[in-house]
N, C-alpha and C. Protein backbone atom coordinates (compact mmCIF):
# COMPACT_ATOMS: atom_id res chain seq x y z
N MET A 1 59.10 -41.20 1.55
CA MET A 1 58.50 -41.48 0.11
C MET A 1 57.06 -41.17 0.32
N LYS A 2 56.69 -42.53 1.63
CA LYS A 2 55.51 -42.39 1.64
C LYS A 2 54.64 -41.25 2.24
N ARG A 3 55.66 -40.43 3.19
CA ARG A 3 55.16 -39.21 3.73
C ARG A 3 54.77 -38.06 2.52
N ILE A 4 55.36 -38.38 1.47
CA ILE A 4 55.47 -37.29 0.47
C ILE A 4 54.18 -37.55 -0.45
N ILE A 5 53.98 -38.76 -0.64
CA ILE A 5 52.86 -39.38 -1.48
C ILE A 5 51.64 -39.21 -0.30
N PHE A 6 51.67 -39.21 0.88
CA PHE A 6 50.58 -38.97 1.64
C PHE A 6 50.15 -37.29 1.68
N ALA A 7 51.31 -36.68 1.82
CA ALA A 7 50.68 -35.00 1.90
C ALA A 7 50.46 -34.80 0.57
N GLY A 8 50.95 -35.44 -0.35
CA GLY A 8 50.39 -35.10 -1.86
C GLY A 8 49.05 -35.46 -1.96
N THR A 9 48.27 -36.31 -1.75
CA THR A 9 47.38 -36.86 -1.67
C THR A 9 46.23 -35.93 -0.87
N LEU A 10 46.47 -35.58 0.21
CA LEU A 10 45.78 -34.55 0.95
C LEU A 10 45.95 -33.29 0.37
N LEU A 11 46.94 -32.94 -0.17
CA LEU A 11 46.79 -31.74 -0.96
C LEU A 11 45.69 -31.67 -2.22
N LEU A 12 45.59 -32.89 -2.75
CA LEU A 12 44.50 -32.87 -4.02
C LEU A 12 43.19 -32.95 -3.57
N PHE A 13 42.91 -33.75 -2.47
CA PHE A 13 41.66 -33.88 -2.13
C PHE A 13 41.04 -32.90 -1.18
N ALA A 14 41.93 -32.16 -0.45
CA ALA A 14 41.44 -31.02 0.46
C ALA A 14 40.51 -30.02 -0.05
N PRO A 15 41.05 -29.77 -1.38
CA PRO A 15 39.97 -28.51 -1.85
C PRO A 15 38.56 -29.23 -1.76
N MET A 16 38.71 -30.34 -2.25
CA MET A 16 37.41 -30.93 -2.51
C MET A 16 36.34 -31.00 -1.60
N ALA A 17 36.84 -31.21 0.04
CA ALA A 17 36.00 -31.16 1.16
C ALA A 17 35.94 -29.67 1.71
N PRO A 18 34.92 -29.12 1.65
CA PRO A 18 35.03 -27.80 2.52
C PRO A 18 35.28 -27.67 3.65
N PRO A 19 35.78 -26.72 4.16
CA PRO A 19 36.09 -26.86 5.75
C PRO A 19 34.55 -26.47 6.48
N THR A 20 34.61 -27.16 7.62
CA THR A 20 33.31 -27.20 8.68
C THR A 20 32.52 -25.65 8.74
N ALA A 21 33.27 -24.89 8.96
CA ALA A 21 32.69 -23.47 8.74
C ALA A 21 32.11 -22.87 7.48
N ALA A 22 32.53 -23.27 6.29
CA ALA A 22 31.94 -23.40 5.36
C ALA A 22 30.84 -24.09 4.80
N ARG A 23 30.76 -25.12 5.18
CA ARG A 23 29.84 -25.94 5.28
C ARG A 23 28.51 -25.62 5.87
N GLU A 24 28.77 -24.88 7.15
CA GLU A 24 27.89 -24.58 7.65
C GLU A 24 27.22 -23.25 7.08
N GLN A 25 27.91 -22.29 6.29
CA GLN A 25 27.54 -21.33 5.74
C GLN A 25 26.75 -21.68 4.96
N ALA A 26 27.07 -22.59 3.97
CA ALA A 26 26.62 -23.06 2.62
C ALA A 26 25.08 -24.03 3.34
N GLN A 27 24.73 -24.16 4.43
CA GLN A 27 23.31 -24.77 4.74
C GLN A 27 22.80 -23.48 5.36
N ALA A 28 23.52 -22.41 5.80
CA ALA A 28 22.57 -21.19 6.52
C ALA A 28 21.51 -20.69 5.52
N PRO A 29 22.06 -20.33 4.07
CA PRO A 29 20.89 -19.73 3.33
C PRO A 29 19.68 -20.76 3.14
N THR A 30 19.74 -21.92 3.14
CA THR A 30 18.81 -22.74 3.08
C THR A 30 18.05 -22.75 4.22
N GLN A 31 18.20 -22.90 5.21
CA GLN A 31 17.62 -22.37 6.36
C GLN A 31 16.47 -21.06 6.49
N THR A 32 17.45 -20.17 5.97
CA THR A 32 16.80 -18.88 5.76
C THR A 32 15.42 -18.57 4.66
N GLN A 33 15.77 -19.41 3.82
CA GLN A 33 14.64 -19.27 2.73
C GLN A 33 13.33 -20.04 3.04
N GLU A 34 13.87 -21.23 3.90
CA GLU A 34 12.43 -21.88 4.66
C GLU A 34 11.70 -21.05 5.47
N GLN A 35 12.39 -20.35 6.61
CA GLN A 35 11.71 -19.31 6.86
C GLN A 35 11.24 -18.69 6.32
N THR A 36 11.86 -17.77 5.29
CA THR A 36 10.72 -16.75 4.42
C THR A 36 9.98 -17.34 3.87
N GLN A 37 9.64 -18.69 3.31
CA GLN A 37 8.76 -19.15 2.69
C GLN A 37 7.58 -19.36 3.71
N GLU A 38 8.08 -19.62 4.85
CA GLU A 38 7.13 -19.90 6.37
C GLU A 38 6.20 -18.56 6.22
N GLN A 39 6.78 -17.45 6.42
CA GLN A 39 6.61 -16.51 6.73
C GLN A 39 5.69 -15.74 5.77
N ALA A 40 6.09 -16.16 4.40
CA ALA A 40 5.29 -15.71 3.42
C ALA A 40 3.64 -16.12 2.99
N GLY A 41 3.32 -17.23 4.20
CA GLY A 41 1.88 -17.60 4.20
C GLY A 41 1.14 -16.92 4.64
N ALA A 42 1.49 -15.94 6.01
CA ALA A 42 0.93 -15.02 7.02
C ALA A 42 1.33 -13.51 6.34
N PRO A 43 0.11 -12.77 6.09
CA PRO A 43 0.36 -11.44 5.65
C PRO A 43 0.91 -10.37 7.12
N GLU A 44 1.58 -9.83 6.46
CA GLU A 44 2.16 -8.96 7.33
C GLU A 44 1.68 -7.67 7.51
N ARG A 45 1.43 -7.09 8.49
CA ARG A 45 1.22 -5.84 8.53
C ARG A 45 1.99 -4.79 9.02
N PRO A 46 1.67 -3.73 8.10
CA PRO A 46 2.34 -2.61 7.82
C PRO A 46 2.94 -1.80 9.51
N ALA A 47 3.88 -1.24 9.56
CA ALA A 47 4.66 -0.57 10.74
C ALA A 47 3.89 0.59 10.71
N GLY A 48 3.39 1.05 12.07
CA GLY A 48 2.62 2.24 11.95
C GLY A 48 1.24 2.35 11.31
N PRO A 49 0.54 2.95 10.66
CA PRO A 49 -0.80 3.33 10.59
C PRO A 49 -0.80 3.26 8.88
N HIS A 50 -1.64 2.57 8.19
CA HIS A 50 -1.30 2.98 7.06
C HIS A 50 -2.73 2.47 6.43
N PHE A 51 -3.27 3.43 5.22
CA PHE A 51 -4.85 3.17 4.42
C PHE A 51 -4.41 2.00 3.57
N ASP A 52 -5.71 1.03 3.67
CA ASP A 52 -5.97 0.40 2.50
C ASP A 52 -7.42 0.33 2.32
N PHE A 53 -7.36 1.15 0.80
CA PHE A 53 -8.43 1.75 0.14
C PHE A 53 -9.26 0.35 -0.34
N GLU A 54 -10.72 0.33 -0.53
CA GLU A 54 -11.48 -0.44 -1.37
C GLU A 54 -11.17 -0.40 -2.76
N ILE A 55 -11.11 0.98 -3.09
CA ILE A 55 -11.12 1.66 -4.44
C ILE A 55 -10.53 3.07 -4.18
N THR A 56 -10.11 3.54 -5.31
CA THR A 56 -9.10 4.90 -5.48
C THR A 56 -10.04 5.89 -6.30
N GLU A 57 -10.79 5.04 -6.95
CA GLU A 57 -11.26 6.13 -8.19
C GLU A 57 -12.50 5.85 -8.09
N HIS A 58 -13.70 6.58 -8.54
CA HIS A 58 -14.92 6.81 -8.63
C HIS A 58 -15.21 7.35 -10.04
N ASP A 59 -15.99 6.53 -11.03
CA ASP A 59 -16.62 7.18 -12.02
C ASP A 59 -18.24 7.23 -12.43
N PHE A 60 -18.16 8.70 -11.91
CA PHE A 60 -20.09 8.91 -12.11
C PHE A 60 -20.65 8.48 -13.43
N GLY A 61 -20.00 8.05 -14.09
CA GLY A 61 -20.73 8.01 -15.73
C GLY A 61 -21.10 9.65 -16.34
N ASP A 62 -22.35 9.21 -17.12
CA ASP A 62 -22.97 10.31 -17.40
C ASP A 62 -24.07 10.78 -16.47
N ILE A 63 -24.02 12.18 -16.11
CA ILE A 63 -24.83 12.67 -15.34
C ILE A 63 -25.45 13.90 -15.83
N GLU A 64 -26.97 14.47 -15.15
CA GLU A 64 -27.63 15.40 -15.48
C GLU A 64 -26.51 16.52 -15.17
N HIS A 65 -26.43 17.97 -15.72
CA HIS A 65 -25.90 19.06 -15.30
C HIS A 65 -26.85 19.36 -14.50
N SER A 66 -28.16 19.48 -14.33
CA SER A 66 -28.86 20.19 -13.70
C SER A 66 -29.04 19.53 -12.25
N LEU A 67 -28.11 18.17 -12.07
CA LEU A 67 -28.52 18.11 -10.85
C LEU A 67 -27.55 18.71 -9.49
N PRO A 68 -27.83 19.04 -8.33
CA PRO A 68 -27.16 20.04 -7.89
C PRO A 68 -26.02 19.44 -7.31
N LYS A 69 -26.11 18.08 -6.93
CA LYS A 69 -24.66 17.56 -6.54
C LYS A 69 -24.94 16.12 -6.42
N VAL A 70 -23.72 15.22 -6.42
CA VAL A 70 -23.73 13.85 -6.49
C VAL A 70 -22.60 13.34 -5.49
N GLU A 71 -22.78 12.20 -4.91
CA GLU A 71 -21.64 11.99 -3.92
C GLU A 71 -21.10 10.77 -4.31
N CYS A 72 -19.89 10.33 -3.37
CA CYS A 72 -19.61 8.91 -3.59
C CYS A 72 -18.83 8.33 -2.14
N ARG A 73 -18.44 7.40 -1.80
CA ARG A 73 -17.81 6.92 -0.48
C ARG A 73 -16.88 6.28 -0.75
N PHE A 74 -15.67 6.62 -0.53
CA PHE A 74 -14.22 5.68 -0.40
C PHE A 74 -14.19 5.12 1.04
N ARG A 75 -14.31 3.95 1.02
CA ARG A 75 -14.38 3.26 2.24
C ARG A 75 -12.90 2.66 2.41
N PHE A 76 -12.21 2.58 3.80
CA PHE A 76 -11.05 2.47 3.90
C PHE A 76 -10.85 1.32 5.15
N THR A 77 -9.85 0.48 5.65
CA THR A 77 -9.19 0.05 6.59
C THR A 77 -7.83 0.39 6.77
N ASN A 78 -7.66 0.53 8.29
CA ASN A 78 -6.18 0.87 8.80
C ASN A 78 -5.48 -0.53 8.80
N ASP A 79 -4.84 -0.90 7.96
CA ASP A 79 -4.22 -2.26 7.92
C ASP A 79 -2.92 -2.14 8.45
N GLY A 80 -2.57 -1.07 9.37
CA GLY A 80 -1.29 -0.78 10.25
C GLY A 80 -1.39 -1.58 11.21
N THR A 81 -0.23 -0.60 12.25
CA THR A 81 -0.08 -1.36 13.59
C THR A 81 -0.66 -0.12 14.62
N ALA A 82 -0.66 1.07 14.14
CA ALA A 82 -0.91 2.10 14.94
C ALA A 82 -2.30 2.91 14.41
N PRO A 83 -2.86 3.99 15.10
CA PRO A 83 -3.89 4.57 15.10
C PRO A 83 -3.42 5.51 13.71
N LEU A 84 -4.74 5.45 12.86
CA LEU A 84 -4.52 6.60 11.65
C LEU A 84 -5.12 7.43 11.86
N VAL A 85 -4.61 8.74 11.62
CA VAL A 85 -5.09 10.08 11.76
C VAL A 85 -5.06 11.04 10.42
N ILE A 86 -6.27 11.34 9.94
CA ILE A 86 -6.14 12.16 8.72
C ILE A 86 -6.01 13.50 9.09
N THR A 87 -5.04 14.07 8.49
CA THR A 87 -4.76 15.17 8.88
C THR A 87 -5.54 16.68 8.23
N LYS A 88 -5.36 16.20 6.70
CA LYS A 88 -6.31 16.93 5.92
C LYS A 88 -6.81 16.56 4.60
N ILE A 89 -7.60 16.95 4.17
CA ILE A 89 -7.92 16.67 2.75
C ILE A 89 -8.21 17.96 1.56
N LEU A 90 -7.27 17.76 0.68
CA LEU A 90 -7.22 19.09 -0.60
C LEU A 90 -7.96 18.73 -1.52
N THR A 91 -8.85 19.44 -2.14
CA THR A 91 -9.23 19.05 -3.34
C THR A 91 -8.98 19.94 -4.60
N SER A 92 -9.12 19.51 -6.07
CA SER A 92 -8.68 20.34 -6.64
C SER A 92 -9.65 21.09 -7.57
N CYS A 93 -10.69 21.49 -6.62
CA CYS A 93 -11.69 22.65 -7.07
C CYS A 93 -12.71 22.81 -5.96
N SER A 94 -13.05 23.89 -6.14
CA SER A 94 -14.11 24.21 -4.84
C SER A 94 -15.63 23.64 -5.13
N CYS A 95 -15.65 22.76 -6.34
CA CYS A 95 -16.65 21.85 -6.69
C CYS A 95 -16.81 20.58 -6.40
N VAL A 96 -15.73 20.46 -5.22
CA VAL A 96 -15.60 19.17 -4.86
C VAL A 96 -15.65 19.31 -3.03
N LYS A 97 -16.14 18.57 -2.30
CA LYS A 97 -16.37 18.83 -0.68
C LYS A 97 -15.95 17.29 -0.33
N ALA A 98 -15.00 17.37 0.66
CA ALA A 98 -14.72 16.16 1.41
C ALA A 98 -15.38 15.93 2.78
N ASP A 99 -15.54 14.92 3.46
CA ASP A 99 -16.38 14.90 4.60
C ASP A 99 -15.75 13.42 4.92
N TYR A 100 -15.07 13.64 6.16
CA TYR A 100 -14.50 12.34 7.15
C TYR A 100 -14.59 12.35 8.48
N ALA A 101 -14.63 11.40 9.22
CA ALA A 101 -14.70 11.29 10.92
C ALA A 101 -13.25 12.00 11.22
N LYS A 102 -13.15 12.86 12.05
CA LYS A 102 -11.94 13.51 12.68
C LYS A 102 -11.30 12.35 13.58
N ARG A 103 -11.61 11.34 14.27
CA ARG A 103 -11.39 10.72 15.00
C ARG A 103 -10.52 9.47 14.49
N PRO A 104 -9.17 9.44 15.53
CA PRO A 104 -8.68 8.16 14.80
C PRO A 104 -9.08 6.91 14.53
N VAL A 105 -8.38 6.29 13.23
CA VAL A 105 -9.06 5.17 13.34
C VAL A 105 -8.02 3.90 13.85
N PRO A 106 -8.45 3.19 14.76
CA PRO A 106 -7.57 2.19 15.48
C PRO A 106 -6.90 1.33 14.23
N PRO A 107 -5.63 0.51 14.54
CA PRO A 107 -5.40 -0.63 13.85
C PRO A 107 -6.84 -1.67 13.51
N GLY A 108 -6.69 -1.95 12.13
CA GLY A 108 -8.01 -3.07 12.11
C GLY A 108 -9.22 -2.43 11.93
N GLY A 109 -9.37 -1.09 12.28
CA GLY A 109 -10.69 -0.13 12.04
C GLY A 109 -10.87 0.14 10.80
N GLU A 110 -12.33 0.35 10.63
CA GLU A 110 -12.57 1.21 9.08
C GLU A 110 -13.12 2.36 9.30
N GLY A 111 -13.07 3.09 8.33
CA GLY A 111 -13.35 4.48 8.15
C GLY A 111 -14.12 4.73 6.62
N GLU A 112 -14.62 6.03 6.44
CA GLU A 112 -14.69 6.17 5.01
C GLU A 112 -14.47 7.97 4.71
N ILE A 113 -14.12 8.61 3.82
CA ILE A 113 -14.13 9.53 3.14
C ILE A 113 -15.52 9.84 1.92
N VAL A 114 -16.31 10.80 2.54
CA VAL A 114 -17.59 10.90 1.73
C VAL A 114 -17.20 12.11 0.53
N ILE A 115 -17.05 12.00 -0.65
CA ILE A 115 -16.80 12.76 -1.49
C ILE A 115 -18.40 13.50 -2.34
N THR A 116 -18.48 14.91 -2.44
CA THR A 116 -19.46 15.59 -2.74
C THR A 116 -19.09 16.24 -4.17
N TYR A 117 -19.61 16.04 -5.31
CA TYR A 117 -19.44 16.96 -6.38
C TYR A 117 -20.67 17.79 -6.79
N GLU A 118 -20.35 18.89 -6.65
CA GLU A 118 -21.36 19.63 -7.07
C GLU A 118 -21.68 20.31 -8.33
N VAL A 119 -22.05 19.35 -9.39
CA VAL A 119 -22.35 19.38 -10.69
C VAL A 119 -22.78 20.74 -11.31
N SER A 120 -23.94 21.28 -10.80
CA SER A 120 -24.38 22.67 -11.53
C SER A 120 -23.11 24.06 -11.38
N LYS A 121 -22.27 23.48 -10.63
CA LYS A 121 -21.06 24.53 -10.46
C LYS A 121 -20.20 24.79 -11.22
N LYS A 122 -20.32 23.57 -12.39
CA LYS A 122 -19.28 23.83 -13.48
C LYS A 122 -20.20 23.52 -14.34
N GLU A 123 -19.05 23.90 -15.93
CA GLU A 123 -19.61 24.05 -17.04
C GLU A 123 -20.08 22.21 -17.37
N PRO A 124 -20.73 22.21 -18.20
CA PRO A 124 -21.42 20.82 -18.35
C PRO A 124 -19.94 20.29 -19.38
N GLY A 125 -19.57 18.59 -19.50
CA GLY A 125 -18.82 18.10 -19.53
C GLY A 125 -18.23 17.52 -19.13
N VAL A 126 -17.03 16.75 -19.71
CA VAL A 126 -16.24 15.67 -18.77
C VAL A 126 -15.41 16.40 -17.66
N PHE A 127 -15.31 15.66 -16.32
CA PHE A 127 -14.57 16.01 -15.43
C PHE A 127 -13.91 15.31 -14.58
N TYR A 128 -12.69 15.50 -14.05
CA TYR A 128 -11.84 14.43 -13.84
C TYR A 128 -10.94 15.39 -12.40
N LYS A 129 -11.45 15.38 -11.17
CA LYS A 129 -11.19 16.04 -9.87
C LYS A 129 -10.10 14.80 -8.75
N VAL A 130 -9.02 15.38 -8.60
CA VAL A 130 -8.28 14.59 -7.82
C VAL A 130 -8.49 15.18 -6.28
N ILE A 131 -8.40 14.21 -5.31
CA ILE A 131 -8.40 14.48 -3.63
C ILE A 131 -7.39 13.80 -3.10
N GLU A 132 -6.60 14.63 -2.41
CA GLU A 132 -5.45 14.42 -1.48
C GLU A 132 -5.80 14.45 -0.21
N VAL A 133 -5.39 12.79 0.25
CA VAL A 133 -5.86 12.87 1.67
C VAL A 133 -4.45 12.81 2.00
N TYR A 134 -4.05 13.47 3.27
CA TYR A 134 -2.98 13.77 4.03
C TYR A 134 -3.19 12.97 5.01
N SER A 135 -2.22 12.53 5.98
CA SER A 135 -2.01 11.53 6.92
C SER A 135 -0.78 11.70 7.70
N ASN A 136 -1.19 10.63 8.85
CA ASN A 136 0.17 10.04 9.42
C ASN A 136 0.48 8.53 9.12
N SER A 137 -0.48 7.95 7.82
CA SER A 137 0.14 6.65 7.17
C SER A 137 1.63 6.77 6.73
N ALA A 138 2.01 5.73 6.25
CA ALA A 138 3.31 5.79 5.98
C ALA A 138 3.51 6.22 4.57
N ASP A 139 2.46 6.01 4.06
CA ASP A 139 2.27 6.73 2.55
C ASP A 139 2.39 8.38 2.48
N ARG A 140 1.81 9.12 3.93
CA ARG A 140 1.83 10.33 4.02
C ARG A 140 0.82 11.05 3.02
N ARG A 141 0.44 10.54 1.62
CA ARG A 141 -0.50 10.93 1.00
C ARG A 141 -1.12 9.98 0.04
N ASN A 142 -2.25 9.98 0.07
CA ASN A 142 -2.94 9.31 -1.03
C ASN A 142 -4.38 10.07 -1.92
N ASN A 143 -4.44 9.39 -3.09
CA ASN A 143 -5.04 10.15 -4.11
C ASN A 143 -6.11 9.18 -4.23
N LEU A 144 -7.33 10.13 -4.28
CA LEU A 144 -8.52 9.68 -4.79
C LEU A 144 -9.18 10.39 -6.01
N ILE A 145 -9.75 9.56 -6.53
CA ILE A 145 -10.20 10.43 -7.91
C ILE A 145 -11.76 10.12 -8.21
N VAL A 146 -12.23 11.20 -8.86
CA VAL A 146 -13.81 11.10 -9.26
C VAL A 146 -13.88 11.90 -10.63
N LYS A 147 -14.35 10.88 -11.45
CA LYS A 147 -14.67 11.57 -12.70
C LYS A 147 -16.10 11.16 -13.33
N GLY A 148 -16.08 11.48 -14.46
CA GLY A 148 -17.62 11.49 -15.10
C GLY A 148 -17.88 12.56 -16.25
N ASN A 149 -19.16 13.08 -16.77
CA ASN A 149 -19.38 13.67 -17.91
C ASN A 149 -20.51 14.16 -17.30
N ALA A 150 -20.94 15.45 -16.89
CA ALA A 150 -21.91 16.49 -17.11
C ALA A 150 -22.78 16.55 -18.21
N THR A 151 -23.81 15.81 -18.63
CA THR A 151 -24.50 16.29 -19.73
C THR A 151 -25.99 17.23 -19.52
N GLU A 152 -26.04 17.86 -20.51
CA GLU A 152 -27.26 19.03 -20.47
C GLU A 152 -28.60 18.13 -20.96
């Protein structure tokens, strides 16, 4: 009779105490969360080359249509872990020209893309031009935008 009561008591209280393996698994997520929080404090660099543009859009505002050209500069940093190479730049119009250094930008290095808009080549009015920058970056393609209003 004592054995039956003892076995019954064990069966009643056994589900309340998790086995050792389950107890360790229950603690593991807490350790992982702590490690994740520690790592979140330090910024992680993207694997491979990666553009980090200061700005991706430039507004010239109102400009005189009689001007031959205006230009702006898009500065960037390679915040990746490998050299960044610009393979080509396509513009949405022959009135937009892009100039850039043809050399690879090392990790942590900086560069710039100079965009020239030839105002007098187009009709007066609002303009919105997209420049596609192709590279070996993880994004493969980045868009830059120049816009404004050519007035007479």
